[in-house]
Amino acid sequence: MAQQTESAQGFAQQGETYRLMGEYDLATDKFQQAIQLKPNYAWAYAHLGVSYRELSHYNEAQKFLGTAIDLDKDYAWAHAQLGATYIKMQEYAQAEAVFNTAIDMNPNYAWAYAHRGQARYKQNNFKGALEDLNQAIQLNNKYAYAYGLRAAVYSQLNDYRSAVFDIFSAIQIDNTIFSSPSAKQEIGELLKSR
């Protein structure tokens, strides 16, 4: 019986499956196996970085996302994921700068606009956040996260009618979007202040 040899792409696909299932430890193992076989595999490095971010290992996430970017300077997804890592680290100005790069590379990148909006929101730049979230929704009008975050921005701007409208829009698109305890608390506070 012949022994089957795994390819770098095969390990990477397994890693991505584990990542999407939330099995981040298994994902990191598979991505590392892919990289051992193909040391210049930018895609595997980027997804390895995201897996480490989900494990709250931010230094490793930065390192591997940075390696992916070094290997492929035009990898907008890796730039955007590095921005998301900076948000997790509460380094919002750095996140915004990295999202700027991702958006420059791909001006139709709704996810990057929405998350740059989050970085701007965290820096109390509500006007900039609103511009980004409007752009994200214009690019993808079924983007529940963008509606949900825009509701928070409208709330900060005391535009409660628009905030409530966006909450309902987000729920219509994804009825689980506000299922976390912190999201429920924020919605409760918003509705009380109305």
C-alpha atoms as a PDB file:
ATOM      1  CA  MET A   1       0.000   0.000   0.000  1.00  0.00           C
ATOM      2  CA  ALA A   2       1.452   3.355  -1.075  1.00  0.00           C
ATOM      3  CA  GLN A   3       1.776   6.103   1.514  1.00  0.00           C
ATOM      4  CA  GLN A   4      -0.122   9.286   0.615  1.00  0.00           C
ATOM      5  CA  THR A   5       1.938  12.459   0.847  1.00  0.00           C
ATOM      6  CA  GLU A   6       0.144  15.616   1.948  1.00  0.00           C
ATOM      7  CA  SER A   7       0.710  18.778  -0.042  1.00  0.00           C
ATOM      8  CA  ALA A   8       1.105  22.277   1.357  1.00  0.00           C
ATOM      9  CA  GLN A   9      -2.240  23.189  -0.181  1.00  0.00           C
ATOM     10  CA  GLY A  10      -3.865  20.133   1.382  1.00  0.00           C
ATOM     11  CA  PHE A  11      -2.620  21.048   4.854  1.00  0.00           C
ATOM     12  CA  ALA A  12      -3.698  24.674   4.310  1.00  0.00           C
ATOM     13  CA  GLN A  13      -7.196  23.598   3.264  1.00  0.00           C
ATOM     14  CA  GLN A  14      -7.467  21.421   6.356  1.00  0.00           C
ATOM     15  CA  GLY A  15      -6.275  24.352   8.467  1.00  0.00           C
ATOM     16  CA  GLU A  16      -8.889  26.629   6.944  1.00  0.00           C
ATOM     17  CA  THR A  17     -11.612  24.090   7.642  1.00  0.00           C
ATOM     18  CA  TYR A  18     -10.540  23.908  11.280  1.00  0.00           C
ATOM     19  CA  ARG A  19     -10.310  27.717  11.458  1.00  0.00           C
ATOM     20  CA  LEU A  20     -13.840  28.144  10.138  1.00  0.00           C
ATOM     21  CA  MET A  21     -15.063  25.566  12.659  1.00  0.00           C
ATOM     22  CA  GLY A  22     -13.430  27.526  15.507  1.00  0.00           C
ATOM     23  CA  GLU A  23     -10.816  24.810  16.145  1.00  0.00           C
ATOM     24  CA  TYR A  24      -7.940  27.269  16.183  1.00  0.00           C
ATOM     25  CA  ASP A  25      -5.324  25.026  17.808  1.00  0.00           C
ATOM     26  CA  LEU A  26      -5.860  22.399  15.112  1.00  0.00           C
ATOM     27  CA  ALA A  27      -5.861  25.115  12.461  1.00  0.00           C
ATOM     28  CA  THR A  28      -2.490  26.469  13.588  1.00  0.00           C
ATOM     29  CA  ASP A  29      -0.979  22.971  13.409  1.00  0.00           C
ATOM     30  CA  LYS A  30      -2.187  22.458   9.845  1.00  0.00           C
ATOM     31  CA  PHE A  31      -1.083  25.894   8.657  1.00  0.00           C
ATOM     32  CA  GLN A  32       2.359  25.317  10.164  1.00  0.00           C
ATOM     33  CA  GLN A  33       2.591  21.981   8.353  1.00  0.00           C
ATOM     34  CA  ALA A  34       1.708  23.755   5.101  1.00  0.00           C
ATOM     35  CA  ILE A  35       4.409  26.358   5.719  1.00  0.00           C
ATOM     36  CA  GLN A  36       7.003  23.650   6.448  1.00  0.00           C
ATOM     37  CA  LEU A  37       6.351  22.259   2.972  1.00  0.00           C
ATOM     38  CA  LYS A  38       6.103  25.659   1.269  1.00  0.00           C
ATOM     39  CA  PRO A  39       8.016  28.347   3.238  1.00  0.00           C
ATOM     40  CA  ASN A  40       6.838  31.236   1.035  1.00  0.00           C
ATOM     41  CA  TYR A  41       3.116  30.444   1.303  1.00  0.00           C
ATOM     42  CA  ALA A  42       1.635  33.879   2.067  1.00  0.00           C
ATOM     43  CA  TRP A  43      -1.939  32.589   2.255  1.00  0.00           C
ATOM     44  CA  ALA A  44      -1.026  30.012   4.918  1.00  0.00           C
ATOM     45  CA  TYR A  45       0.891  32.610   6.950  1.00  0.00           C
ATOM     46  CA  ALA A  46      -2.078  35.007   6.858  1.00  0.00           C
ATOM     47  CA  HIS A  47      -4.565  32.375   7.968  1.00  0.00           C
ATOM     48  CA  LEU A  48      -2.151  31.153  10.627  1.00  0.00           C
ATOM     49  CA  GLY A  49      -2.001  34.724  11.925  1.00  0.00           C
ATOM     50  CA  VAL A  50      -5.781  34.990  12.063  1.00  0.00           C
ATOM     51  CA  SER A  51      -5.973  31.667  13.923  1.00  0.00           C
ATOM     52  CA  TYR A  52      -3.514  32.961  16.509  1.00  0.00           C
ATOM     53  CA  ARG A  53      -5.543  36.170  16.843  1.00  0.00           C
ATOM     54  CA  GLU A  54      -8.635  34.109  17.625  1.00  0.00           C
ATOM     55  CA  LEU A  55      -6.596  32.380  20.339  1.00  0.00           C
ATOM     56  CA  SER A  56      -5.716  35.871  21.708  1.00  0.00           C
ATOM     57  CA  HIS A  57      -2.035  35.346  20.846  1.00  0.00           C
ATOM     58  CA  TYR A  58      -1.655  38.778  19.331  1.00  0.00           C
ATOM     59  CA  ASN A  59       2.135  38.851  19.016  1.00  0.00           C
ATOM     60  CA  GLU A  60       2.063  35.659  16.970  1.00  0.00           C
ATOM     61  CA  ALA A  61      -0.850  37.003  14.928  1.00  0.00           C
ATOM     62  CA  GLN A  62       1.107  40.181  14.109  1.00  0.00           C
ATOM     63  CA  LYS A  63       4.202  38.173  13.256  1.00  0.00           C
ATOM     64  CA  PHE A  64       2.516  35.788  10.843  1.00  0.00           C
ATOM     65  CA  LEU A  65       0.288  38.393   9.223  1.00  0.00           C
ATOM     66  CA  GLY A  66       3.400  40.545   8.801  1.00  0.00           C
ATOM     67  CA  THR A  67       5.191  37.637   7.143  1.00  0.00           C
ATOM     68  CA  ALA A  68       2.258  37.174   4.749  1.00  0.00           C
ATOM     69  CA  ILE A  69       2.433  40.871   3.860  1.00  0.00           C
ATOM     70  CA  ASP A  70       6.207  40.693   3.392  1.00  0.00           C
ATOM     71  CA  LEU A  71       5.700  37.794   0.992  1.00  0.00           C
ATOM     72  CA  ASP A  72       2.847  39.505  -0.884  1.00  0.00           C
ATOM     73  CA  LYS A  73       2.747  43.299  -0.471  1.00  0.00           C
ATOM     74  CA  ASP A  74      -0.586  43.501  -2.341  1.00  0.00           C
ATOM     75  CA  TYR A  75      -2.428  41.039  -0.088  1.00  0.00           C
ATOM     76  CA  ALA A  76      -5.322  43.272   0.995  1.00  0.00           C
ATOM     77  CA  TRP A  77      -6.944  40.539   3.106  1.00  0.00           C
ATOM     78  CA  ALA A  78      -3.771  40.116   5.176  1.00  0.00           C
ATOM     79  CA  HIS A  79      -3.544  43.884   5.712  1.00  0.00           C
ATOM     80  CA  ALA A  80      -7.187  44.012   6.806  1.00  0.00           C
ATOM     81  CA  GLN A  81      -6.713  41.077   9.178  1.00  0.00           C
ATOM     82  CA  LEU A  82      -3.682  42.818  10.692  1.00  0.00           C
ATOM     83  CA  GLY A  83      -5.931  45.841  11.220  1.00  0.00           C
ATOM     84  CA  ALA A  84      -8.459  43.617  12.993  1.00  0.00           C
ATOM     85  CA  THR A  85      -5.631  42.313  15.178  1.00  0.00           C
ATOM     86  CA  TYR A  86      -4.705  45.878  16.161  1.00  0.00           C
ATOM     87  CA  ILE A  87      -8.355  46.479  17.100  1.00  0.00           C
ATOM     88  CA  LYS A  88      -8.219  43.452  19.420  1.00  0.00           C
ATOM     89  CA  MET A  89      -5.052  44.948  20.916  1.00  0.00           C
ATOM     90  CA  GLN A  90      -6.845  48.299  21.332  1.00  0.00           C
ATOM     91  CA  GLU A  91      -4.305  49.993  19.052  1.00  0.00           C
ATOM     92  CA  TYR A  92      -6.924  51.833  17.033  1.00  0.00           C
ATOM     93  CA  ALA A  93      -4.728  54.371  15.212  1.00  0.00           C
ATOM     94  CA  GLN A  94      -2.491  51.553  13.944  1.00  0.00           C
ATOM     95  CA  ALA A  95      -5.571  49.593  12.919  1.00  0.00           C
ATOM     96  CA  GLU A  96      -6.904  52.553  10.952  1.00  0.00           C
ATOM     97  CA  ALA A  97      -3.583  52.968   9.131  1.00  0.00           C
ATOM     98  CA  VAL A  98      -3.501  49.303   8.107  1.00  0.00           C
ATOM     99  CA  PHE A  99      -7.122  49.426   6.950  1.00  0.00           C
ATOM    100  CA  ASN A 100      -6.223  52.484   4.851  1.00  0.00           C
ATOM    101  CA  THR A 101      -3.679  50.326   3.036  1.00  0.00           C
ATOM    102  CA  ALA A 102      -6.168  47.496   2.493  1.00  0.00           C
ATOM    103  CA  ILE A 103      -8.769  49.932   1.131  1.00  0.00           C
ATOM    104  CA  ASP A 104      -6.211  51.562  -1.153  1.00  0.00           C
ATOM    105  CA  MET A 105      -5.507  48.106  -2.577  1.00  0.00           C
ATOM    106  CA  ASN A 106      -9.196  47.203  -2.896  1.00  0.00           C
ATOM    107  CA  PRO A 107     -11.575  50.194  -2.912  1.00  0.00           C
ATOM    108  CA  ASN A 108     -14.590  47.841  -2.930  1.00  0.00           C
ATOM    109  CA  TYR A 109     -13.614  46.012   0.282  1.00  0.00           C
ATOM    110  CA  ALA A 110     -16.747  46.385   2.435  1.00  0.00           C
ATOM    111  CA  TRP A 111     -15.271  44.392   5.334  1.00  0.00           C
ATOM    112  CA  ALA A 112     -12.242  46.705   5.530  1.00  0.00           C
ATOM    113  CA  TYR A 113     -14.453  49.821   5.469  1.00  0.00           C
ATOM    114  CA  ALA A 114     -16.641  48.451   8.261  1.00  0.00           C
ATOM    115  CA  HIS A 115     -13.687  47.555  10.454  1.00  0.00           C
ATOM    116  CA  ARG A 116     -11.894  50.837   9.756  1.00  0.00           C
ATOM    117  CA  GLY A 117     -15.195  52.351  10.876  1.00  0.00           C
ATOM    118  CA  GLN A 118     -14.869  50.353  14.082  1.00  0.00           C
ATOM    119  CA  ALA A 119     -11.319  51.660  14.621  1.00  0.00           C
ATOM    120  CA  ARG A 120     -12.536  55.215  14.045  1.00  0.00           C
ATOM    121  CA  TYR A 121     -15.515  54.675  16.363  1.00  0.00           C
ATOM    122  CA  LYS A 122     -13.146  53.503  19.109  1.00  0.00           C
ATOM    123  CA  GLN A 123     -11.178  56.738  18.628  1.00  0.00           C
ATOM    124  CA  ASN A 124     -14.407  58.799  18.961  1.00  0.00           C
ATOM    125  CA  ASN A 125     -14.188  59.820  15.294  1.00  0.00           C
ATOM    126  CA  PHE A 126     -17.907  59.304  14.777  1.00  0.00           C
ATOM    127  CA  LYS A 127     -18.075  61.253  11.512  1.00  0.00           C
ATOM    128  CA  GLY A 128     -15.295  59.148   9.980  1.00  0.00           C
ATOM    129  CA  ALA A 129     -16.862  55.962  11.332  1.00  0.00           C
ATOM    130  CA  LEU A 130     -20.220  56.907   9.839  1.00  0.00           C
ATOM    131  CA  GLU A 131     -18.615  57.583   6.434  1.00  0.00           C
ATOM    132  CA  ASP A 132     -16.903  54.181   6.483  1.00  0.00           C
ATOM    133  CA  LEU A 133     -20.007  52.306   7.588  1.00  0.00           C
ATOM    134  CA  ASN A 134     -22.126  54.051   4.963  1.00  0.00           C
ATOM    135  CA  GLN A 135     -19.576  52.973   2.348  1.00  0.00           C
ATOM    136  CA  ALA A 136     -19.542  49.387   3.647  1.00  0.00           C
ATOM    137  CA  ILE A 137     -23.341  49.239   3.464  1.00  0.00           C
ATOM    138  CA  GLN A 138     -23.345  50.792   0.003  1.00  0.00           C
ATOM    139  CA  LEU A 139     -20.944  48.065  -1.137  1.00  0.00           C
ATOM    140  CA  ASN A 140     -22.896  45.300   0.651  1.00  0.00           C
ATOM    141  CA  ASN A 141     -26.436  46.186   1.694  1.00  0.00           C
ATOM    142  CA  LYS A 142     -26.805  42.821   3.499  1.00  0.00           C
ATOM    143  CA  TYR A 143     -23.931  43.501   5.908  1.00  0.00           C
ATOM    144  CA  ALA A 144     -25.492  43.036   9.357  1.00  0.00           C
ATOM    145  CA  TYR A 145     -22.305  43.923  11.247  1.00  0.00           C
ATOM    146  CA  ALA A 146     -22.060  47.285   9.463  1.00  0.00           C
ATOM    147  CA  TYR A 147     -25.683  48.114  10.295  1.00  0.00           C
ATOM    148  CA  GLY A 148     -25.147  47.089  13.916  1.00  0.00           C
ATOM    149  CA  LEU A 149     -22.044  49.210  14.329  1.00  0.00           C
ATOM    150  CA  ARG A 150     -23.631  52.119  12.502  1.00  0.00           C
ATOM    151  CA  ALA A 151     -26.459  51.952  15.060  1.00  0.00           C
ATOM    152  CA  ALA A 152     -23.874  52.507  17.790  1.00  0.00           C
ATOM    153  CA  VAL A 153     -22.434  55.482  15.883  1.00  0.00           C
ATOM    154  CA  TYR A 154     -25.886  57.004  15.412  1.00  0.00           C
ATOM    155  CA  SER A 155     -26.510  56.542  19.116  1.00  0.00           C
ATOM    156  CA  GLN A 156     -23.327  58.478  19.917  1.00  0.00           C
ATOM    157  CA  LEU A 157     -24.541  61.220  17.577  1.00  0.00           C
ATOM    158  CA  ASN A 158     -27.941  61.257  19.381  1.00  0.00           C
ATOM    159  CA  ASP A 159     -29.729  60.152  16.215  1.00  0.00           C
ATOM    160  CA  TYR A 160     -31.771  57.480  17.966  1.00  0.00           C
ATOM    161  CA  ARG A 161     -34.300  57.016  15.201  1.00  0.00           C
ATOM    162  CA  SER A 162     -31.554  56.041  12.742  1.00  0.00           C
ATOM    163  CA  ALA A 163     -29.928  53.874  15.419  1.00  0.00           C
ATOM    164  CA  VAL A 164     -33.105  51.892  16.027  1.00  0.00           C
ATOM    165  CA  PHE A 165     -33.690  51.561  12.277  1.00  0.00           C
ATOM    166  CA  ASP A 166     -30.185  50.109  11.864  1.00  0.00           C
ATOM    167  CA  ILE A 167     -30.676  47.713  14.775  1.00  0.00           C
ATOM    168  CA  PHE A 168     -33.790  46.346  13.137  1.00  0.00           C
ATOM    169  CA  SER A 169     -32.046  46.195   9.754  1.00  0.00           C
ATOM    170  CA  ALA A 170     -29.179  44.221  11.279  1.00  0.00           C
ATOM    171  CA  ILE A 171     -31.588  41.807  12.984  1.00  0.00           C
ATOM    172  CA  GLN A 172     -33.542  41.262   9.764  1.00  0.00           C
ATOM    173  CA  ILE A 173     -30.312  40.298   8.013  1.00  0.00           C
ATOM    174  CA  ASP A 174     -28.908  38.191  10.867  1.00  0.00           C
ATOM    175  CA  ASN A 175     -31.186  37.513  13.819  1.00  0.00           C
ATOM    176  CA  THR A 176     -28.236  36.316  15.940  1.00  0.00           C
ATOM    177  CA  ILE A 177     -26.144  39.469  15.573  1.00  0.00           C
ATOM    178  CA  PHE A 178     -27.101  40.872  18.968  1.00  0.00           C
ATOM    179  CA  SER A 179     -27.123  37.572  20.855  1.00  0.00           C
ATOM    180  CA  SER A 180     -24.014  38.221  22.954  1.00  0.00           C
ATOM    181  CA  PRO A 181     -24.607  39.614  26.474  1.00  0.00           C
ATOM    182  CA  SER A 182     -22.629  42.803  25.726  1.00  0.00           C
ATOM    183  CA  ALA A 183     -24.637  43.466  22.549  1.00  0.00           C
ATOM    184  CA  LYS A 184     -27.913  42.943  24.436  1.00  0.00           C
ATOM    185  CA  GLN A 185     -26.787  45.398  27.115  1.00  0.00           C
ATOM    186  CA  GLU A 186     -25.834  48.024  24.515  1.00  0.00           C
ATOM    187  CA  ILE A 187     -29.207  47.695  22.786  1.00  0.00           C
ATOM    188  CA  GLY A 188     -30.994  47.969  26.118  1.00  0.00           C
ATOM    189  CA  GLU A 189     -29.112  51.163  26.953  1.00  0.00           C
ATOM    190  CA  LEU A 190     -29.858  52.600  23.522  1.00  0.00           C
ATOM    191  CA  LEU A 191     -33.558  51.871  23.793  1.00  0.00           C
ATOM    192  CA  LYS A 192     -33.726  53.309  27.334  1.00  0.00           C
ATOM    193  CA  SER A 193     -32.140  56.559  26.187  1.00  0.00           C
ATOM    194  CA  ARG A 194     -34.706  56.976  23.425  1.00  0.00           C
END
